[in-house]
């Protein structure tokens, strides 16, 4: 009986040890998988965050290559994408070609932008995007410098320029929407209006700018709009005419605190 008990306990110990080892290996495998997944997601996020800067610089944005790409005919072209919601695909402006890239990445940033595309013809009407760069006004260095100068001027002087005095301490500029080279919306709000406990008080100011290269540009009001917190269709036009209400391809800039400048969206 003593030998049996000793043997039984030994076997049980070995079983428990093996079980613990299996659990440990499994945990390590899961941990390694989770780590790799997080690293991969962080790399993709960093990739997406860098796209606006690469676009403004006119640099190529390169995606993972297509498997067996040497089997396909190369494609080079000037394109402006749009998104077909029903088919869930990116299509050319003339609807003749579909565009895709690696499944872990997206082409959403390039919707309604003039671009240069290089890739492969998976089929005659389907293009795999290997790399892409902005080829429109967003990538024009002189335009970008002029816009940033204008945006900084408006941001720094918004309390003097605004059509109404801020109900709190100050107005704060959030976003610029360029409809044309001279016409743009300035979105500004009371400081702290993005916080839940503060009342929402945001405005869209449509302006036309003359002499933007001057230190003090000439600004003319085209429209002044009180924004609704929940539904843009309930915005209140307080002055002028909202000329670009239905425009869909405006160039948008928001301020990035990390790089301390206005960044393309």
C-alpha atoms as a PDB file:
ATOM      1  CA  UNK A   1       0.000   0.000   0.000  1.00  0.00           C
ATOM      2  CA  UNK A   2       2.857   2.346   0.851  1.00  0.00           C
ATOM      3  CA  UNK A   3       4.509   1.736  -2.530  1.00  0.00           C
ATOM      4  CA  UNK A   4       1.202   2.165  -4.309  1.00  0.00           C
ATOM      5  CA  UNK A   5       0.590   5.481  -2.549  1.00  0.00           C
ATOM      6  CA  UNK A   6       4.092   6.656  -3.343  1.00  0.00           C
ATOM      7  CA  UNK A   7       3.715   5.655  -6.999  1.00  0.00           C
ATOM      8  CA  UNK A   8       0.270   7.220  -7.219  1.00  0.00           C
ATOM      9  CA  UNK A   9       1.440  10.507  -5.721  1.00  0.00           C
ATOM     10  CA  UNK A  10       4.438  10.533  -8.023  1.00  0.00           C
ATOM     11  CA  UNK A  11       2.234   9.946 -11.066  1.00  0.00           C
ATOM     12  CA  UNK A  12      -0.187  12.621  -9.859  1.00  0.00           C
ATOM     13  CA  UNK A  13       2.667  15.073  -9.379  1.00  0.00           C
ATOM     14  CA  UNK A  14       3.949  14.375 -12.884  1.00  0.00           C
ATOM     15  CA  UNK A  15       0.437  14.845 -14.257  1.00  0.00           C
ATOM     16  CA  UNK A  16       0.010  18.156 -12.439  1.00  0.00           C
ATOM     17  CA  UNK A  17       3.454  19.280 -13.558  1.00  0.00           C
ATOM     18  CA  UNK A  18       2.694  18.431 -17.173  1.00  0.00           C
ATOM     19  CA  UNK A  19      -0.652  20.192 -16.871  1.00  0.00           C
ATOM     20  CA  UNK A  20       1.025  23.285 -15.492  1.00  0.00           C
ATOM     21  CA  UNK A  21       3.561  23.183 -18.302  1.00  0.00           C
ATOM     22  CA  UNK A  22       0.809  22.930 -20.912  1.00  0.00           C
ATOM     23  CA  UNK A  23      -1.037  25.867 -19.348  1.00  0.00           C
ATOM     24  CA  UNK A  24       2.187  27.873 -19.194  1.00  0.00           C
ATOM     25  CA  UNK A  25       3.044  27.119 -22.813  1.00  0.00           C
ATOM     26  CA  UNK A  26      -0.500  27.963 -23.844  1.00  0.00           C
ATOM     27  CA  UNK A  27      -0.401  31.193 -21.871  1.00  0.00           C
ATOM     28  CA  UNK A  28       2.954  32.061 -23.407  1.00  0.00           C
ATOM     29  CA  UNK A  29       1.612  31.282 -26.869  1.00  0.00           C
ATOM     30  CA  UNK A  30      -1.462  33.417 -26.279  1.00  0.00           C
ATOM     31  CA  UNK A  31       0.659  36.185 -24.771  1.00  0.00           C
ATOM     32  CA  UNK A  32       3.026  36.081 -27.747  1.00  0.00           C
ATOM     33  CA  UNK A  33       0.049  36.145 -30.126  1.00  0.00           C
ATOM     34  CA  UNK A  34      -1.485  39.084 -28.252  1.00  0.00           C
ATOM     35  CA  UNK A  35       1.842  40.913 -28.272  1.00  0.00           C
ATOM     36  CA  UNK A  36       2.297  40.394 -32.006  1.00  0.00           C
ATOM     37  CA  UNK A  37      -1.284  41.514 -32.597  1.00  0.00           C
ATOM     38  CA  UNK A  38      -0.760  44.711 -30.585  1.00  0.00           C
ATOM     39  CA  UNK A  39       2.527  45.424 -32.386  1.00  0.00           C
ATOM     40  CA  UNK A  40       0.812  44.879 -35.739  1.00  0.00           C
ATOM     41  CA  UNK A  41      -2.120  47.152 -34.804  1.00  0.00           C
ATOM     42  CA  UNK A  42       0.261  49.850 -33.533  1.00  0.00           C
ATOM     43  CA  UNK A  43       2.232  49.672 -36.772  1.00  0.00           C
ATOM     44  CA  UNK A  44      -0.974  50.060 -38.782  1.00  0.00           C
ATOM     45  CA  UNK A  45      -2.082  53.012 -36.611  1.00  0.00           C
ATOM     46  CA  UNK A  46       1.307  54.692 -37.050  1.00  0.00           C
ATOM     47  CA  UNK A  47       1.097  54.067 -40.789  1.00  0.00           C
ATOM     48  CA  UNK A  48      -2.332  55.757 -40.937  1.00  0.00           C
ATOM     49  CA  UNK A  49      -1.167  58.682 -38.791  1.00  0.00           C
ATOM     50  CA  UNK A  50       1.746  59.350 -41.149  1.00  0.00           C
ATOM     51  CA  UNK A  51      -0.354  59.425 -44.322  1.00  0.00           C
ATOM     52  CA  UNK A  52      -1.368  63.140 -44.062  1.00  0.00           C
ATOM     53  CA  UNK A  53       2.272  64.224 -43.706  1.00  0.00           C
ATOM     54  CA  UNK A  54       3.392  62.043 -46.614  1.00  0.00           C
ATOM     55  CA  UNK A  55       0.503  63.375 -48.691  1.00  0.00           C
ATOM     56  CA  UNK A  56       1.421  67.003 -48.016  1.00  0.00           C
ATOM     57  CA  UNK A  57       5.056  66.293 -48.893  1.00  0.00           C
ATOM     58  CA  UNK A  58       4.075  64.592 -52.144  1.00  0.00           C
ATOM     59  CA  UNK A  59       5.760  61.389 -50.961  1.00  0.00           C
ATOM     60  CA  UNK A  60       4.772  57.862 -51.920  1.00  0.00           C
ATOM     61  CA  UNK A  61       2.671  55.884 -49.454  1.00  0.00           C
ATOM     62  CA  UNK A  62       3.645  52.245 -49.906  1.00  0.00           C
ATOM     63  CA  UNK A  63       1.426  49.283 -49.011  1.00  0.00           C
ATOM     64  CA  UNK A  64       2.411  45.606 -48.603  1.00  0.00           C
ATOM     65  CA  UNK A  65       3.055  43.953 -51.937  1.00  0.00           C
ATOM     66  CA  UNK A  66       0.566  41.656 -53.619  1.00  0.00           C
ATOM     67  CA  UNK A  67       1.372  37.956 -53.392  1.00  0.00           C
ATOM     68  CA  UNK A  68       2.760  36.670 -56.691  1.00  0.00           C
ATOM     69  CA  UNK A  69       2.667  40.229 -58.028  1.00  0.00           C
ATOM     70  CA  UNK A  70       5.012  39.323 -60.889  1.00  0.00           C
ATOM     71  CA  UNK A  71       2.119  37.414 -62.449  1.00  0.00           C
ATOM     72  CA  UNK A  72       0.104  40.579 -63.008  1.00  0.00           C
ATOM     73  CA  UNK A  73       0.330  43.470 -65.433  1.00  0.00           C
ATOM     74  CA  UNK A  74       1.518  46.703 -63.847  1.00  0.00           C
ATOM     75  CA  UNK A  75      -0.801  49.699 -63.565  1.00  0.00           C
ATOM     76  CA  UNK A  76       0.139  53.398 -63.467  1.00  0.00           C
ATOM     77  CA  UNK A  77      -2.445  56.150 -63.548  1.00  0.00           C
ATOM     78  CA  UNK A  78      -3.896  59.407 -62.247  1.00  0.00           C
ATOM     79  CA  UNK A  79      -6.988  58.653 -60.180  1.00  0.00           C
ATOM     80  CA  UNK A  80      -9.584  60.228 -57.917  1.00  0.00           C
ATOM     81  CA  UNK A  81     -11.366  57.608 -55.828  1.00  0.00           C
ATOM     82  CA  UNK A  82     -14.908  57.556 -54.591  1.00  0.00           C
ATOM     83  CA  UNK A  83     -16.527  55.002 -52.323  1.00  0.00           C
ATOM     84  CA  UNK A  84     -19.439  52.804 -53.386  1.00  0.00           C
ATOM     85  CA  UNK A  85     -21.299  52.093 -50.144  1.00  0.00           C
ATOM     86  CA  UNK A  86     -23.586  49.480 -51.675  1.00  0.00           C
ATOM     87  CA  UNK A  87     -20.711  47.401 -53.049  1.00  0.00           C
ATOM     88  CA  UNK A  88     -18.301  48.352 -50.255  1.00  0.00           C
ATOM     89  CA  UNK A  89     -15.516  49.131 -52.723  1.00  0.00           C
ATOM     90  CA  UNK A  90     -13.389  52.059 -53.868  1.00  0.00           C
ATOM     91  CA  UNK A  91     -14.049  52.979 -57.481  1.00  0.00           C
ATOM     92  CA  UNK A  92     -12.601  55.371 -60.040  1.00  0.00           C
ATOM     93  CA  UNK A  93     -14.374  58.631 -60.807  1.00  0.00           C
ATOM     94  CA  UNK A  94     -15.702  57.156 -64.069  1.00  0.00           C
ATOM     95  CA  UNK A  95     -16.857  53.916 -62.341  1.00  0.00           C
ATOM     96  CA  UNK A  96     -14.737  51.812 -64.701  1.00  0.00           C
ATOM     97  CA  UNK A  97     -12.286  50.368 -62.159  1.00  0.00           C
ATOM     98  CA  UNK A  98     -12.334  49.088 -58.591  1.00  0.00           C
ATOM     99  CA  UNK A  99      -9.363  49.688 -56.292  1.00  0.00           C
ATOM    100  CA  UNK A 100      -8.146  47.724 -53.294  1.00  0.00           C
ATOM    101  CA  UNK A 101      -4.970  47.192 -51.301  1.00  0.00           C
ATOM    102  CA  UNK A 102      -3.731  44.912 -48.518  1.00  0.00           C
ATOM    103  CA  UNK A 103      -6.678  43.804 -46.348  1.00  0.00           C
ATOM    104  CA  UNK A 104      -5.218  45.396 -43.194  1.00  0.00           C
ATOM    105  CA  UNK A 105      -5.097  48.865 -44.761  1.00  0.00           C
ATOM    106  CA  UNK A 106      -7.548  51.314 -46.275  1.00  0.00           C
ATOM    107  CA  UNK A 107      -7.727  53.875 -49.075  1.00  0.00           C
ATOM    108  CA  UNK A 108     -10.321  56.046 -47.308  1.00  0.00           C
ATOM    109  CA  UNK A 109      -7.947  58.979 -46.878  1.00  0.00           C
ATOM    110  CA  UNK A 110      -7.664  59.368 -50.650  1.00  0.00           C
ATOM    111  CA  UNK A 111     -11.377  59.684 -51.425  1.00  0.00           C
ATOM    112  CA  UNK A 112     -11.958  62.780 -53.616  1.00  0.00           C
ATOM    113  CA  UNK A 113      -8.235  63.558 -53.776  1.00  0.00           C
ATOM    114  CA  UNK A 114      -6.161  63.762 -56.950  1.00  0.00           C
ATOM    115  CA  UNK A 115      -3.648  60.939 -56.728  1.00  0.00           C
ATOM    116  CA  UNK A 116      -1.012  59.069 -58.676  1.00  0.00           C
ATOM    117  CA  UNK A 117      -1.389  55.303 -58.350  1.00  0.00           C
ATOM    118  CA  UNK A 118       0.959  52.419 -59.059  1.00  0.00           C
ATOM    119  CA  UNK A 119      -0.116  48.818 -58.691  1.00  0.00           C
ATOM    120  CA  UNK A 120      -1.272  45.722 -60.521  1.00  0.00           C
ATOM    121  CA  UNK A 121      -4.208  44.743 -62.705  1.00  0.00           C
ATOM    122  CA  UNK A 122      -5.718  41.814 -60.827  1.00  0.00           C
ATOM    123  CA  UNK A 123      -8.418  41.933 -63.472  1.00  0.00           C
ATOM    124  CA  UNK A 124      -9.049  44.432 -66.246  1.00  0.00           C
ATOM    125  CA  UNK A 125     -11.428  46.381 -63.997  1.00  0.00           C
ATOM    126  CA  UNK A 126      -9.738  45.699 -60.632  1.00  0.00           C
ATOM    127  CA  UNK A 127      -6.525  47.385 -59.491  1.00  0.00           C
ATOM    128  CA  UNK A 128      -4.425  46.406 -56.488  1.00  0.00           C
ATOM    129  CA  UNK A 129      -2.762  49.574 -55.143  1.00  0.00           C
ATOM    130  CA  UNK A 130       0.908  48.990 -54.316  1.00  0.00           C
ATOM    131  CA  UNK A 131       1.713  52.643 -53.712  1.00  0.00           C
ATOM    132  CA  UNK A 132       0.008  55.995 -54.004  1.00  0.00           C
ATOM    133  CA  UNK A 133       0.784  59.691 -53.579  1.00  0.00           C
ATOM    134  CA  UNK A 134      -1.204  62.913 -53.519  1.00  0.00           C
ATOM    135  CA  UNK A 135      -0.948  64.837 -56.767  1.00  0.00           C
ATOM    136  CA  UNK A 136      -3.381  67.673 -56.098  1.00  0.00           C
ATOM    137  CA  UNK A 137      -3.361  71.010 -54.348  1.00  0.00           C
ATOM    138  CA  UNK A 138      -2.794  69.390 -50.934  1.00  0.00           C
ATOM    139  CA  UNK A 139       0.727  68.464 -52.038  1.00  0.00           C
ATOM    140  CA  UNK A 140       1.597  71.957 -53.324  1.00  0.00           C
ATOM    141  CA  UNK A 141       4.172  73.320 -50.884  1.00  0.00           C
ATOM    142  CA  UNK A 142       3.443  76.985 -51.626  1.00  0.00           C
ATOM    143  CA  UNK A 143      -0.294  76.451 -51.143  1.00  0.00           C
ATOM    144  CA  UNK A 144       0.290  74.595 -47.872  1.00  0.00           C
ATOM    145  CA  UNK A 145       2.572  77.303 -46.469  1.00  0.00           C
ATOM    146  CA  UNK A 146       0.073  80.003 -47.423  1.00  0.00           C
ATOM    147  CA  UNK A 147      -2.821  78.120 -45.851  1.00  0.00           C
ATOM    148  CA  UNK A 148      -0.951  77.475 -42.623  1.00  0.00           C
ATOM    149  CA  UNK A 149      -0.039  81.144 -42.381  1.00  0.00           C
ATOM    150  CA  UNK A 150      -3.701  82.095 -42.863  1.00  0.00           C
ATOM    151  CA  UNK A 151      -4.959  79.469 -40.408  1.00  0.00           C
ATOM    152  CA  UNK A 152      -2.491  80.595 -37.747  1.00  0.00           C
ATOM    153  CA  UNK A 153      -3.547  84.220 -38.221  1.00  0.00           C
ATOM    154  CA  UNK A 154      -7.239  83.385 -37.815  1.00  0.00           C
ATOM    155  CA  UNK A 155      -6.598  81.127 -34.819  1.00  0.00           C
ATOM    156  CA  UNK A 156      -4.480  83.750 -33.054  1.00  0.00           C
ATOM    157  CA  UNK A 157      -6.969  86.562 -33.723  1.00  0.00           C
ATOM    158  CA  UNK A 158     -10.302  84.739 -33.572  1.00  0.00           C
ATOM    159  CA  UNK A 159     -11.619  86.728 -30.597  1.00  0.00           C
ATOM    160  CA  UNK A 160     -11.166  89.976 -32.523  1.00  0.00           C
ATOM    161  CA  UNK A 161     -12.378  88.546 -35.851  1.00  0.00           C
ATOM    162  CA  UNK A 162     -15.441  86.613 -34.638  1.00  0.00           C
ATOM    163  CA  UNK A 163     -18.836  88.136 -35.364  1.00  0.00           C
ATOM    164  CA  UNK A 164     -20.001  87.631 -31.783  1.00  0.00           C
ATOM    165  CA  UNK A 165     -18.280  87.921 -28.444  1.00  0.00           C
ATOM    166  CA  UNK A 166     -17.603  84.575 -26.789  1.00  0.00           C
ATOM    167  CA  UNK A 167     -20.085  83.857 -23.973  1.00  0.00           C
ATOM    168  CA  UNK A 168     -17.184  82.484 -21.952  1.00  0.00           C
ATOM    169  CA  UNK A 169     -13.594  83.638 -21.925  1.00  0.00           C
ATOM    170  CA  UNK A 170     -12.482  82.926 -25.483  1.00  0.00           C
ATOM    171  CA  UNK A 171     -13.313  81.361 -28.807  1.00  0.00           C
ATOM    172  CA  UNK A 172     -11.251  78.384 -29.890  1.00  0.00           C
ATOM    173  CA  UNK A 173     -10.727  77.422 -33.544  1.00  0.00           C
ATOM    174  CA  UNK A 174     -11.188  73.705 -34.180  1.00  0.00           C
ATOM    175  CA  UNK A 175     -11.288  73.038 -37.920  1.00  0.00           C
ATOM    176  CA  UNK A 176     -10.795  74.722 -41.297  1.00  0.00           C
ATOM    177  CA  UNK A 177     -12.720  73.568 -44.381  1.00  0.00           C
ATOM    178  CA  UNK A 178     -11.303  74.914 -47.662  1.00  0.00           C
ATOM    179  CA  UNK A 179     -13.993  74.917 -50.356  1.00  0.00           C
ATOM    180  CA  UNK A 180     -11.806  76.817 -52.850  1.00  0.00           C
ATOM    181  CA  UNK A 181      -8.492  78.663 -52.776  1.00  0.00           C
ATOM    182  CA  UNK A 182     -10.250  81.753 -51.410  1.00  0.00           C
ATOM    183  CA  UNK A 183     -13.426  80.457 -49.714  1.00  0.00           C
ATOM    184  CA  UNK A 184     -13.326  78.484 -46.484  1.00  0.00           C
ATOM    185  CA  UNK A 185     -15.281  77.642 -43.375  1.00  0.00           C
ATOM    186  CA  UNK A 186     -13.794  78.350 -39.964  1.00  0.00           C
ATOM    187  CA  UNK A 187     -15.276  76.152 -37.240  1.00  0.00           C
ATOM    188  CA  UNK A 188     -14.837  77.670 -33.806  1.00  0.00           C
ATOM    189  CA  UNK A 189     -16.392  77.119 -30.402  1.00  0.00           C
ATOM    190  CA  UNK A 190     -16.239  78.306 -26.828  1.00  0.00           C
ATOM    191  CA  UNK A 191     -13.325  76.880 -24.887  1.00  0.00           C
ATOM    192  CA  UNK A 192     -14.392  73.666 -23.187  1.00  0.00           C
ATOM    193  CA  UNK A 193     -17.560  73.213 -25.253  1.00  0.00           C
ATOM    194  CA  UNK A 194     -16.396  69.687 -26.125  1.00  0.00           C
ATOM    195  CA  UNK A 195     -16.768  68.710 -22.443  1.00  0.00           C
ATOM    196  CA  UNK A 196     -20.020  67.088 -21.370  1.00  0.00           C
ATOM    197  CA  UNK A 197     -20.740  69.527 -18.558  1.00  0.00           C
ATOM    198  CA  UNK A 198     -20.293  72.584 -20.792  1.00  0.00           C
ATOM    199  CA  UNK A 199     -23.010  73.889 -23.136  1.00  0.00           C
ATOM    200  CA  UNK A 200     -22.315  73.224 -26.817  1.00  0.00           C
ATOM    201  CA  UNK A 201     -21.655  76.499 -28.611  1.00  0.00           C
ATOM    202  CA  UNK A 202     -20.040  76.052 -32.022  1.00  0.00           C
ATOM    203  CA  UNK A 203     -20.134  78.183 -35.163  1.00  0.00           C
ATOM    204  CA  UNK A 204     -19.255  77.841 -38.833  1.00  0.00           C
ATOM    205  CA  UNK A 205     -17.998  81.066 -40.358  1.00  0.00           C
ATOM    206  CA  UNK A 206     -17.809  81.036 -44.157  1.00  0.00           C
ATOM    207  CA  UNK A 207     -15.323  83.620 -45.370  1.00  0.00           C
ATOM    208  CA  UNK A 208     -13.704  84.815 -48.588  1.00  0.00           C
ATOM    209  CA  UNK A 209     -10.059  85.825 -48.263  1.00  0.00           C
ATOM    210  CA  UNK A 210      -8.301  88.412 -50.405  1.00  0.00           C
ATOM    211  CA  UNK A 211      -4.563  89.079 -50.277  1.00  0.00           C
ATOM    212  CA  UNK A 212      -3.855  85.948 -48.170  1.00  0.00           C
ATOM    213  CA  UNK A 213      -0.100  86.507 -48.468  1.00  0.00           C
ATOM    214  CA  UNK A 214      -0.287  89.763 -46.525  1.00  0.00           C
ATOM    215  CA  UNK A 215       0.329  89.797 -42.775  1.00  0.00           C
ATOM    216  CA  UNK A 216      -3.256  91.010 -42.311  1.00  0.00           C
ATOM    217  CA  UNK A 217      -5.414  89.463 -45.072  1.00  0.00           C
ATOM    218  CA  UNK A 218      -8.735  90.925 -46.153  1.00  0.00           C
ATOM    219  CA  UNK A 219     -11.593  88.751 -44.861  1.00  0.00           C
ATOM    220  CA  UNK A 220     -15.204  89.044 -46.026  1.00  0.00           C
ATOM    221  CA  UNK A 221     -18.076  87.193 -44.386  1.00  0.00           C
ATOM    222  CA  UNK A 222     -20.201  85.061 -46.727  1.00  0.00           C
ATOM    223  CA  UNK A 223     -22.206  83.197 -44.084  1.00  0.00           C
ATOM    224  CA  UNK A 224     -22.464  82.726 -40.336  1.00  0.00           C
ATOM    225  CA  UNK A 225     -23.958  79.515 -38.996  1.00  0.00           C
ATOM    226  CA  UNK A 226     -24.874  78.287 -35.526  1.00  0.00           C
ATOM    227  CA  UNK A 227     -24.104  74.572 -35.375  1.00  0.00           C
ATOM    228  CA  UNK A 228     -26.459  72.017 -33.841  1.00  0.00           C
ATOM    229  CA  UNK A 229     -24.780  69.590 -31.445  1.00  0.00           C
ATOM    230  CA  UNK A 230     -26.525  66.501 -32.836  1.00  0.00           C
ATOM    231  CA  UNK A 231     -27.823  67.172 -36.348  1.00  0.00           C
ATOM    232  CA  UNK A 232     -26.169  69.376 -38.973  1.00  0.00           C
ATOM    233  CA  UNK A 233     -29.497  69.658 -40.827  1.00  0.00           C
ATOM    234  CA  UNK A 234     -30.694  71.707 -37.842  1.00  0.00           C
ATOM    235  CA  UNK A 235     -27.906  74.267 -38.137  1.00  0.00           C
ATOM    236  CA  UNK A 236     -29.182  77.842 -38.034  1.00  0.00           C
ATOM    237  CA  UNK A 237     -28.074  80.271 -40.750  1.00  0.00           C
ATOM    238  CA  UNK A 238     -27.708  83.565 -38.902  1.00  0.00           C
ATOM    239  CA  UNK A 239     -26.210  85.632 -41.717  1.00  0.00           C
ATOM    240  CA  UNK A 240     -25.467  85.458 -45.453  1.00  0.00           C
ATOM    241  CA  UNK A 241     -25.780  82.432 -47.750  1.00  0.00           C
ATOM    242  CA  UNK A 242     -24.294  78.990 -47.096  1.00  0.00           C
ATOM    243  CA  UNK A 243     -22.801  78.579 -50.571  1.00  0.00           C
ATOM    244  CA  UNK A 244     -21.087  75.231 -50.001  1.00  0.00           C
ATOM    245  CA  UNK A 245     -23.621  73.483 -47.808  1.00  0.00           C
ATOM    246  CA  UNK A 246     -23.773  70.429 -50.091  1.00  0.00           C
ATOM    247  CA  UNK A 247     -20.082  70.336 -51.028  1.00  0.00           C
ATOM    248  CA  UNK A 248     -18.465  66.938 -50.419  1.00  0.00           C
ATOM    249  CA  UNK A 249     -14.820  67.336 -51.327  1.00  0.00           C
ATOM    250  CA  UNK A 250     -13.534  70.177 -49.177  1.00  0.00           C
ATOM    251  CA  UNK A 251      -9.955  70.093 -47.887  1.00  0.00           C
ATOM    252  CA  UNK A 252      -9.962  69.824 -44.100  1.00  0.00           C
ATOM    253  CA  UNK A 253      -7.313  70.813 -41.565  1.00  0.00           C
ATOM    254  CA  UNK A 254      -7.223  70.298 -37.806  1.00  0.00           C
ATOM    255  CA  UNK A 255      -4.548  71.297 -35.324  1.00  0.00           C
ATOM    256  CA  UNK A 256      -2.212  68.544 -34.129  1.00  0.00           C
ATOM    257  CA  UNK A 257      -0.720  69.359 -30.726  1.00  0.00           C
ATOM    258  CA  UNK A 258       2.022  66.753 -31.095  1.00  0.00           C
ATOM    259  CA  UNK A 259       3.531  68.378 -34.176  1.00  0.00           C
ATOM    260  CA  UNK A 260       2.246  71.868 -33.297  1.00  0.00           C
ATOM    261  CA  UNK A 261       0.752  72.646 -36.694  1.00  0.00           C
ATOM    262  CA  UNK A 262      -2.371  72.348 -38.851  1.00  0.00           C
ATOM    263  CA  UNK A 263      -2.580  68.904 -40.397  1.00  0.00           C
ATOM    264  CA  UNK A 264      -4.517  67.599 -43.371  1.00  0.00           C
ATOM    265  CA  UNK A 265      -7.440  65.316 -42.504  1.00  0.00           C
END
